[in-house]
Amino acid sequence: NGLNEAIERINQRPKPLALYLFSKQREA
């Protein structure tokens, strides 16, 4: 449900080698 939940999910796991975001928003 949006970027905040995505970030929470990412931070629940060990730090990855790469991270990808598809969005036009510079703020995101």
Full PDB file with SEQRES, HELIX, SHEET, SSBOND, CRYST1, ORIGX, SCALE, CONECT and MASTER records, all heavy atoms in Angstrom:
SEQRES   1 A   28  ASN GLY LEU ASN GLU ALA ILE GLU ARG ILE ASN GLN ARG          
SEQRES   2 A   28  PRO LYS PRO LEU ALA LEU TYR LEU PHE SER LYS GLN ARG          
SEQRES   3 A   28  GLU ALA                                                      
HELIX    1 AA1 LEU A    3  ASN A   11  1                                   9    
CRYST1    1.000    1.000    1.000  90.00  90.00  90.00 P 1           1          
ORIGX1      1.000000  0.000000  0.000000        0.00000                         
ORIGX2      0.000000  1.000000  0.000000        0.00000                         
ORIGX3      0.000000  0.000000  1.000000        0.00000                         
SCALE1      1.000000  0.000000  0.000000        0.00000                         
SCALE2      0.000000  1.000000  0.000000        0.00000                         
SCALE3      0.000000  0.000000  1.000000        0.00000                         
ATOM      1  N   ASN A   1       0.847  -1.194   0.000  1.00  0.00           N  
ATOM      2  CA  ASN A   1       0.000   0.000   0.000  1.00  0.00           C  
ATOM      3  C   ASN A   1       0.884   1.246   0.000  1.00  0.00           C  
ATOM      4  O   ASN A   1       1.033   1.928   1.014  1.00  0.00           O  
ATOM      5  CB  ASN A   1      -0.933  -0.012   1.213  1.00  0.00           C  
ATOM      6  CG  ASN A   1      -1.882   1.180   1.230  1.00  0.00           C  
ATOM      7  OD1 ASN A   1      -2.088   1.823   0.193  1.00  0.00           O  
ATOM      8  ND2 ASN A   1      -2.431   1.487   2.386  1.00  0.00           N  
ATOM      9  N   GLY A   2       1.518   1.492  -1.120  1.00  0.00           N  
ATOM     10  CA  GLY A   2       2.314   2.698  -1.274  1.00  0.00           C  
ATOM     11  C   GLY A   2       3.773   2.546  -0.884  1.00  0.00           C  
ATOM     12  O   GLY A   2       4.246   1.486  -0.452  1.00  0.00           O  
ATOM     13  N   LEU A   3       4.518   3.659  -1.012  1.00  0.00           N  
ATOM     14  CA  LEU A   3       5.967   3.664  -0.828  1.00  0.00           C  
ATOM     15  C   LEU A   3       6.371   3.357   0.610  1.00  0.00           C  
ATOM     16  O   LEU A   3       7.344   2.640   0.846  1.00  0.00           O  
ATOM     17  CB  LEU A   3       6.543   5.022  -1.250  1.00  0.00           C  
ATOM     18  CG  LEU A   3       8.057   5.192  -1.095  1.00  0.00           C  
ATOM     19  CD1 LEU A   3       8.815   4.189  -1.956  1.00  0.00           C  
ATOM     20  CD2 LEU A   3       8.474   6.616  -1.445  1.00  0.00           C  
ATOM     21  N   ASN A   4       5.648   3.890   1.590  1.00  0.00           N  
ATOM     22  CA  ASN A   4       6.033   3.678   2.988  1.00  0.00           C  
ATOM     23  C   ASN A   4       6.041   2.200   3.355  1.00  0.00           C  
ATOM     24  O   ASN A   4       6.971   1.707   4.004  1.00  0.00           O  
ATOM     25  CB  ASN A   4       5.098   4.446   3.919  1.00  0.00           C  
ATOM     26  CG  ASN A   4       5.382   5.933   3.920  1.00  0.00           C  
ATOM     27  OD1 ASN A   4       6.517   6.353   3.671  1.00  0.00           O  
ATOM     28  ND2 ASN A   4       4.371   6.741   4.195  1.00  0.00           N  
ATOM     29  N   GLU A   5       5.009   1.477   2.930  1.00  0.00           N  
ATOM     30  CA  GLU A   5       4.981   0.047   3.219  1.00  0.00           C  
ATOM     31  C   GLU A   5       6.099  -0.678   2.481  1.00  0.00           C  
ATOM     32  O   GLU A   5       6.710  -1.616   3.014  1.00  0.00           O  
ATOM     33  CB  GLU A   5       3.630  -0.562   2.862  1.00  0.00           C  
ATOM     34  CG  GLU A   5       3.543  -2.038   3.256  1.00  0.00           C  
ATOM     35  CD  GLU A   5       2.212  -2.692   2.919  1.00  0.00           C  
ATOM     36  OE1 GLU A   5       1.248  -1.966   2.591  1.00  0.00           O  
ATOM     37  OE2 GLU A   5       2.147  -3.935   2.992  1.00  0.00           O  
ATOM     38  N   ALA A   6       6.379  -0.267   1.232  1.00  0.00           N  
ATOM     39  CA  ALA A   6       7.472  -0.888   0.475  1.00  0.00           C  
ATOM     40  C   ALA A   6       8.799  -0.713   1.208  1.00  0.00           C  
ATOM     41  O   ALA A   6       9.590  -1.654   1.332  1.00  0.00           O  
ATOM     42  CB  ALA A   6       7.551  -0.291  -0.926  1.00  0.00           C  
ATOM     43  N   ILE A   7       9.043   0.490   1.725  1.00  0.00           N  
ATOM     44  CA  ILE A   7      10.291   0.748   2.453  1.00  0.00           C  
ATOM     45  C   ILE A   7      10.348  -0.085   3.730  1.00  0.00           C  
ATOM     46  O   ILE A   7      11.409  -0.631   4.091  1.00  0.00           O  
ATOM     47  CB  ILE A   7      10.427   2.251   2.743  1.00  0.00           C  
ATOM     48  CG1 ILE A   7      10.696   3.008   1.432  1.00  0.00           C  
ATOM     49  CG2 ILE A   7      11.544   2.510   3.746  1.00  0.00           C  
ATOM     50  CD1 ILE A   7      10.732   4.513   1.579  1.00  0.00           C  
ATOM     51  N   GLU A   8       9.238  -0.216   4.409  1.00  0.00           N  
ATOM     52  CA  GLU A   8       9.199  -1.055   5.606  1.00  0.00           C  
ATOM     53  C   GLU A   8       9.560  -2.499   5.271  1.00  0.00           C  
ATOM     54  O   GLU A   8      10.317  -3.156   6.005  1.00  0.00           O  
ATOM     55  CB  GLU A   8       7.809  -0.998   6.243  1.00  0.00           C  
ATOM     56  CG  GLU A   8       7.479   0.337   6.895  1.00  0.00           C  
ATOM     57  CD  GLU A   8       6.043   0.384   7.401  1.00  0.00           C  
ATOM     58  OE1 GLU A   8       5.362  -0.667   7.356  1.00  0.00           O  
ATOM     59  OE2 GLU A   8       5.602   1.458   7.836  1.00  0.00           O  
ATOM     60  N   ARG A   9       9.004  -3.006   4.173  1.00  0.00           N  
ATOM     61  CA  ARG A   9       9.315  -4.386   3.755  1.00  0.00           C  
ATOM     62  C   ARG A   9      10.803  -4.533   3.435  1.00  0.00           C  
ATOM     63  O   ARG A   9      11.439  -5.521   3.824  1.00  0.00           O  
ATOM     64  CB  ARG A   9       8.491  -4.739   2.518  1.00  0.00           C  
ATOM     65  CG  ARG A   9       6.980  -4.699   2.719  1.00  0.00           C  
ATOM     66  CD  ARG A   9       6.481  -5.959   3.381  1.00  0.00           C  
ATOM     67  NE  ARG A   9       5.028  -6.074   3.314  1.00  0.00           N  
ATOM     68  CZ  ARG A   9       4.344  -7.089   3.779  1.00  0.00           C  
ATOM     69  NH1 ARG A   9       4.965  -8.085   4.368  1.00  0.00           N  
ATOM     70  NH2 ARG A   9       3.025  -7.128   3.682  1.00  0.00           N  
ATOM     71  N   ILE A  10      11.358  -3.570   2.732  1.00  0.00           N  
ATOM     72  CA  ILE A  10      12.779  -3.629   2.362  1.00  0.00           C  
ATOM     73  C   ILE A  10      13.647  -3.645   3.607  1.00  0.00           C  
ATOM     74  O   ILE A  10      14.612  -4.419   3.716  1.00  0.00           O  
ATOM     75  CB  ILE A  10      13.138  -2.436   1.456  1.00  0.00           C  
ATOM     76  CG1 ILE A  10      12.452  -2.570   0.093  1.00  0.00           C  
ATOM     77  CG2 ILE A  10      14.648  -2.322   1.279  1.00  0.00           C  
ATOM     78  CD1 ILE A  10      12.512  -1.320  -0.760  1.00  0.00           C  
ATOM     79  N   ASN A  11      13.317  -2.815   4.562  1.00  0.00           N  
ATOM     80  CA  ASN A  11      14.140  -2.695   5.769  1.00  0.00           C  
ATOM     81  C   ASN A  11      13.966  -3.855   6.746  1.00  0.00           C  
ATOM     82  O   ASN A  11      14.726  -3.964   7.711  1.00  0.00           O  
ATOM     83  CB  ASN A  11      13.841  -1.373   6.464  1.00  0.00           C  
ATOM     84  CG  ASN A  11      14.377  -0.174   5.698  1.00  0.00           C  
ATOM     85  OD1 ASN A  11      15.315  -0.307   4.906  1.00  0.00           O  
ATOM     86  ND2 ASN A  11      13.781   0.989   5.904  1.00  0.00           N  
ATOM     87  N   GLN A  12      12.995  -4.721   6.486  1.00  0.00           N  
ATOM     88  CA  GLN A  12      12.854  -5.930   7.295  1.00  0.00           C  
ATOM     89  C   GLN A  12      13.833  -7.024   6.873  1.00  0.00           C  
ATOM     90  O   GLN A  12      13.973  -8.029   7.565  1.00  0.00           O  
ATOM     91  CB  GLN A  12      11.422  -6.456   7.200  1.00  0.00           C  
ATOM     92  CG  GLN A  12      10.400  -5.605   7.941  1.00  0.00           C  
ATOM     93  CD  GLN A  12       8.968  -6.021   7.660  1.00  0.00           C  
ATOM     94  OE1 GLN A  12       8.728  -7.073   7.066  1.00  0.00           O  
ATOM     95  NE2 GLN A  12       8.012  -5.212   8.085  1.00  0.00           N  
ATOM     96  N   ARG A  13      14.505  -6.818   5.751  1.00  0.00           N  
ATOM     97  CA  ARG A  13      15.433  -7.811   5.219  1.00  0.00           C  
ATOM     98  C   ARG A  13      16.864  -7.275   5.284  1.00  0.00           C  
ATOM     99  O   ARG A  13      17.076  -6.070   5.441  1.00  0.00           O  
ATOM    100  CB  ARG A  13      15.079  -8.147   3.764  1.00  0.00           C  
ATOM    101  CG  ARG A  13      13.649  -8.652   3.550  1.00  0.00           C  
ATOM    102  CD  ARG A  13      13.526  -9.320   2.205  1.00  0.00           C  
ATOM    103  NE  ARG A  13      14.474 -10.422   2.126  1.00  0.00           N  
ATOM    104  CZ  ARG A  13      14.242 -11.649   2.586  1.00  0.00           C  
ATOM    105  NH1 ARG A  13      13.091 -11.934   3.150  1.00  0.00           N  
ATOM    106  NH2 ARG A  13      15.155 -12.588   2.473  1.00  0.00           N  
ATOM    107  N   PRO A  14      17.869  -8.147   5.154  1.00  0.00           N  
ATOM    108  CA  PRO A  14      19.249  -7.656   5.071  1.00  0.00           C  
ATOM    109  C   PRO A  14      19.437  -6.712   3.884  1.00  0.00           C  
ATOM    110  O   PRO A  14      18.694  -6.754   2.913  1.00  0.00           O  
ATOM    111  CB  PRO A  14      20.060  -8.948   4.888  1.00  0.00           C  
ATOM    112  CG  PRO A  14      19.201 -10.028   5.458  1.00  0.00           C  
ATOM    113  CD  PRO A  14      17.794  -9.620   5.167  1.00  0.00           C  
ATOM    114  N   LYS A  15      20.447  -5.875   3.980  1.00  0.00           N  
ATOM    115  CA  LYS A  15      20.697  -4.878   2.930  1.00  0.00           C  
ATOM    116  C   LYS A  15      21.015  -5.572   1.600  1.00  0.00           C  
ATOM    117  O   LYS A  15      21.915  -6.411   1.534  1.00  0.00           O  
ATOM    118  CB  LYS A  15      21.852  -3.970   3.345  1.00  0.00           C  
ATOM    119  CG  LYS A  15      21.559  -3.160   4.593  1.00  0.00           C  
ATOM    120  CD  LYS A  15      22.759  -2.351   5.047  1.00  0.00           C  
ATOM    121  CE  LYS A  15      22.438  -1.574   6.317  1.00  0.00           C  
ATOM    122  NZ  LYS A  15      23.600  -0.773   6.772  1.00  0.00           N  
ATOM    123  N   PRO A  16      20.302  -5.209   0.533  1.00  0.00           N  
ATOM    124  CA  PRO A  16      20.503  -5.889  -0.747  1.00  0.00           C  
ATOM    125  C   PRO A  16      21.659  -5.304  -1.548  1.00  0.00           C  
ATOM    126  O   PRO A  16      22.134  -4.194  -1.268  1.00  0.00           O  
ATOM    127  CB  PRO A  16      19.173  -5.645  -1.473  1.00  0.00           C  
ATOM    128  CG  PRO A  16      18.734  -4.309  -0.955  1.00  0.00           C  
ATOM    129  CD  PRO A  16      19.181  -4.255   0.489  1.00  0.00           C  
ATOM    130  N   LEU A  17      22.080  -6.045  -2.559  1.00  0.00           N  
ATOM    131  CA  LEU A  17      23.132  -5.568  -3.457  1.00  0.00           C  
ATOM    132  C   LEU A  17      22.623  -4.452  -4.358  1.00  0.00           C  
ATOM    133  O   LEU A  17      23.347  -3.511  -4.680  1.00  0.00           O  
ATOM    134  CB  LEU A  17      23.663  -6.735  -4.299  1.00  0.00           C  
ATOM    135  CG  LEU A  17      24.810  -6.440  -5.261  1.00  0.00           C  
ATOM    136  CD1 LEU A  17      26.021  -5.874  -4.527  1.00  0.00           C  
ATOM    137  CD2 LEU A  17      25.200  -7.706  -6.027  1.00  0.00           C  
ATOM    138  N   ALA A  18      21.369  -4.560  -4.786  1.00  0.00           N  
ATOM    139  CA  ALA A  18      20.775  -3.539  -5.657  1.00  0.00           C  
ATOM    140  C   ALA A  18      19.355  -3.262  -5.197  1.00  0.00           C  
ATOM    141  O   ALA A  18      18.691  -4.125  -4.624  1.00  0.00           O  
ATOM    142  CB  ALA A  18      20.783  -3.999  -7.108  1.00  0.00           C  
ATOM    143  N   LEU A  19      18.892  -2.051  -5.478  1.00  0.00           N  
ATOM    144  CA  LEU A  19      17.526  -1.649  -5.136  1.00  0.00           C  
ATOM    145  C   LEU A  19      16.988  -0.841  -6.307  1.00  0.00           C  
ATOM    146  O   LEU A  19      17.670   0.064  -6.809  1.00  0.00           O  
ATOM    147  CB  LEU A  19      17.527  -0.824  -3.853  1.00  0.00           C  
ATOM    148  CG  LEU A  19      16.190  -0.623  -3.121  1.00  0.00           C  
ATOM    149  CD1 LEU A  19      16.448  -0.167  -1.682  1.00  0.00           C  
ATOM    150  CD2 LEU A  19      15.298   0.388  -3.803  1.00  0.00           C  
ATOM    151  N   TYR A  20      15.776  -1.178  -6.739  1.00  0.00           N  
ATOM    152  CA  TYR A  20      15.189  -0.539  -7.916  1.00  0.00           C  
ATOM    153  C   TYR A  20      13.858   0.119  -7.560  1.00  0.00           C  
ATOM    154  O   TYR A  20      13.060  -0.446  -6.808  1.00  0.00           O  
ATOM    155  CB  TYR A  20      14.983  -1.574  -9.026  1.00  0.00           C  
ATOM    156  CG  TYR A  20      16.252  -2.299  -9.405  1.00  0.00           C  
ATOM    157  CD1 TYR A  20      16.441  -3.646  -9.076  1.00  0.00           C  
ATOM    158  CD2 TYR A  20      17.282  -1.639 -10.055  1.00  0.00           C  
ATOM    159  CE1 TYR A  20      17.607  -4.308  -9.404  1.00  0.00           C  
ATOM    160  CE2 TYR A  20      18.458  -2.292 -10.386  1.00  0.00           C  
ATOM    161  CZ  TYR A  20      18.612  -3.625 -10.061  1.00  0.00           C  
ATOM    162  OH  TYR A  20      19.785  -4.275 -10.382  1.00  0.00           O  
ATOM    163  N   LEU A  21      13.642   1.298  -8.111  1.00  0.00           N  
ATOM    164  CA  LEU A  21      12.368   1.996  -7.937  1.00  0.00           C  
ATOM    165  C   LEU A  21      11.890   2.497  -9.288  1.00  0.00           C  
ATOM    166  O   LEU A  21      12.652   3.140 -10.029  1.00  0.00           O  
ATOM    167  CB  LEU A  21      12.524   3.188  -6.982  1.00  0.00           C  
ATOM    168  CG  LEU A  21      11.310   4.118  -6.904  1.00  0.00           C  
ATOM    169  CD1 LEU A  21      10.123   3.417  -6.235  1.00  0.00           C  
ATOM    170  CD2 LEU A  21      11.654   5.422  -6.169  1.00  0.00           C  
ATOM    171  N   PHE A  22      10.618   2.201  -9.595  1.00  0.00           N  
ATOM    172  CA  PHE A  22       9.984   2.714 -10.805  1.00  0.00           C  
ATOM    173  C   PHE A  22       8.941   3.743 -10.386  1.00  0.00           C  
ATOM    174  O   PHE A  22       7.888   3.404  -9.857  1.00  0.00           O  
ATOM    175  CB  PHE A  22       9.348   1.568 -11.593  1.00  0.00           C  
ATOM    176  CG  PHE A  22      10.351   0.660 -12.234  1.00  0.00           C  
ATOM    177  CD1 PHE A  22      10.956  -0.362 -11.507  1.00  0.00           C  
ATOM    178  CD2 PHE A  22      10.731   0.840 -13.555  1.00  0.00           C  
ATOM    179  CE1 PHE A  22      11.896  -1.192 -12.085  1.00  0.00           C  
ATOM    180  CE2 PHE A  22      11.678   0.022 -14.146  1.00  0.00           C  
ATOM    181  CZ  PHE A  22      12.262  -1.001 -13.420  1.00  0.00           C  
ATOM    182  N   SER A  23       9.274   4.999 -10.598  1.00  0.00           N  
ATOM    183  CA  SER A  23       8.385   6.101 -10.241  1.00  0.00           C  
ATOM    184  C   SER A  23       8.898   7.377 -10.896  1.00  0.00           C  
ATOM    185  O   SER A  23      10.108   7.572 -11.050  1.00  0.00           O  
ATOM    186  CB  SER A  23       8.332   6.300  -8.715  1.00  0.00           C  
ATOM    187  OG  SER A  23       7.610   7.449  -8.380  1.00  0.00           O  
ATOM    188  N   LYS A  24       7.970   8.262 -11.247  1.00  0.00           N  
ATOM    189  CA  LYS A  24       8.341   9.557 -11.821  1.00  0.00           C  
ATOM    190  C   LYS A  24       8.622  10.593 -10.748  1.00  0.00           C  
ATOM    191  O   LYS A  24       9.106  11.682 -11.039  1.00  0.00           O  
ATOM    192  CB  LYS A  24       7.217  10.061 -12.729  1.00  0.00           C  
ATOM    193  CG  LYS A  24       6.893   9.141 -13.897  1.00  0.00           C  
ATOM    194  CD  LYS A  24       5.641   9.581 -14.620  1.00  0.00           C  
ATOM    195  CE  LYS A  24       5.236   8.580 -15.704  1.00  0.00           C  
ATOM    196  NZ  LYS A  24       3.940   8.923 -16.338  1.00  0.00           N  
ATOM    197  N   GLN A  25       8.307  10.292  -9.502  1.00  0.00           N  
ATOM    198  CA  GLN A  25       8.404  11.277  -8.434  1.00  0.00           C  
ATOM    199  C   GLN A  25       9.834  11.397  -7.889  1.00  0.00           C  
ATOM    200  O   GLN A  25      10.394  10.412  -7.407  1.00  0.00           O  
ATOM    201  CB  GLN A  25       7.488  10.888  -7.269  1.00  0.00           C  
ATOM    202  CG  GLN A  25       6.035  10.681  -7.622  1.00  0.00           C  
ATOM    203  CD  GLN A  25       5.269  10.141  -6.432  1.00  0.00           C  
ATOM    204  OE1 GLN A  25       5.341  10.671  -5.323  1.00  0.00           O  
ATOM    205  NE2 GLN A  25       4.548   9.051  -6.643  1.00  0.00           N  
ATOM    206  N   ARG A  26      10.377  12.579  -7.957  1.00  0.00           N  
ATOM    207  CA  ARG A  26      11.699  12.804  -7.364  1.00  0.00           C  
ATOM    208  C   ARG A  26      11.639  12.619  -5.848  1.00  0.00           C  
ATOM    209  O   ARG A  26      12.583  12.128  -5.228  1.00  0.00           O  
ATOM    210  CB  ARG A  26      12.179  14.213  -7.711  1.00  0.00           C  
ATOM    211  CG  ARG A  26      13.551  14.568  -7.132  1.00  0.00           C  
ATOM    212  CD  ARG A  26      14.626  13.608  -7.621  1.00  0.00           C  
ATOM    213  NE  ARG A  26      15.902  13.881  -7.023  1.00  0.00           N  
ATOM    214  CZ  ARG A  26      16.849  14.626  -7.567  1.00  0.00           C  
ATOM    215  NH1 ARG A  26      16.624  15.200  -8.747  1.00  0.00           N  
ATOM    216  NH2 ARG A  26      18.000  14.822  -6.970  1.00  0.00           N  
ATOM    217  N   GLU A  27      10.524  12.979  -5.248  1.00  0.00           N  
ATOM    218  CA  GLU A  27      10.376  12.820  -3.808  1.00  0.00           C  
ATOM    219  C   GLU A  27      10.448  11.346  -3.406  1.00  0.00           C  
ATOM    220  O   GLU A  27      11.072  10.994  -2.394  1.00  0.00           O  
ATOM    221  CB  GLU A  27       9.041  13.408  -3.345  1.00  0.00           C  
ATOM    222  CG  GLU A  27       8.830  13.317  -1.840  1.00  0.00           C  
ATOM    223  CD  GLU A  27       7.488  13.869  -1.399  1.00  0.00           C  
ATOM    224  OE1 GLU A  27       6.758  14.416  -2.248  1.00  0.00           O  
ATOM    225  OE2 GLU A  27       7.167  13.751  -0.200  1.00  0.00           O  
ATOM    226  N   ALA A  28       9.829  10.471  -4.201  1.00  0.00           N  
ATOM    227  CA  ALA A  28       9.885   9.038  -3.908  1.00  0.00           C  
ATOM    228  C   ALA A  28      11.314   8.527  -4.033  1.00  0.00           C  
ATOM    229  O   ALA A  28      11.776   7.711  -3.220  1.00  0.00           O  
ATOM    230  CB  ALA A  28       8.963   8.280  -4.856  1.00  0.00           C  
TER     231      ALA A  28                                                      
MASTER        0    0    0    1    0    0    0    6  230    1    0    3          
END                                                                             
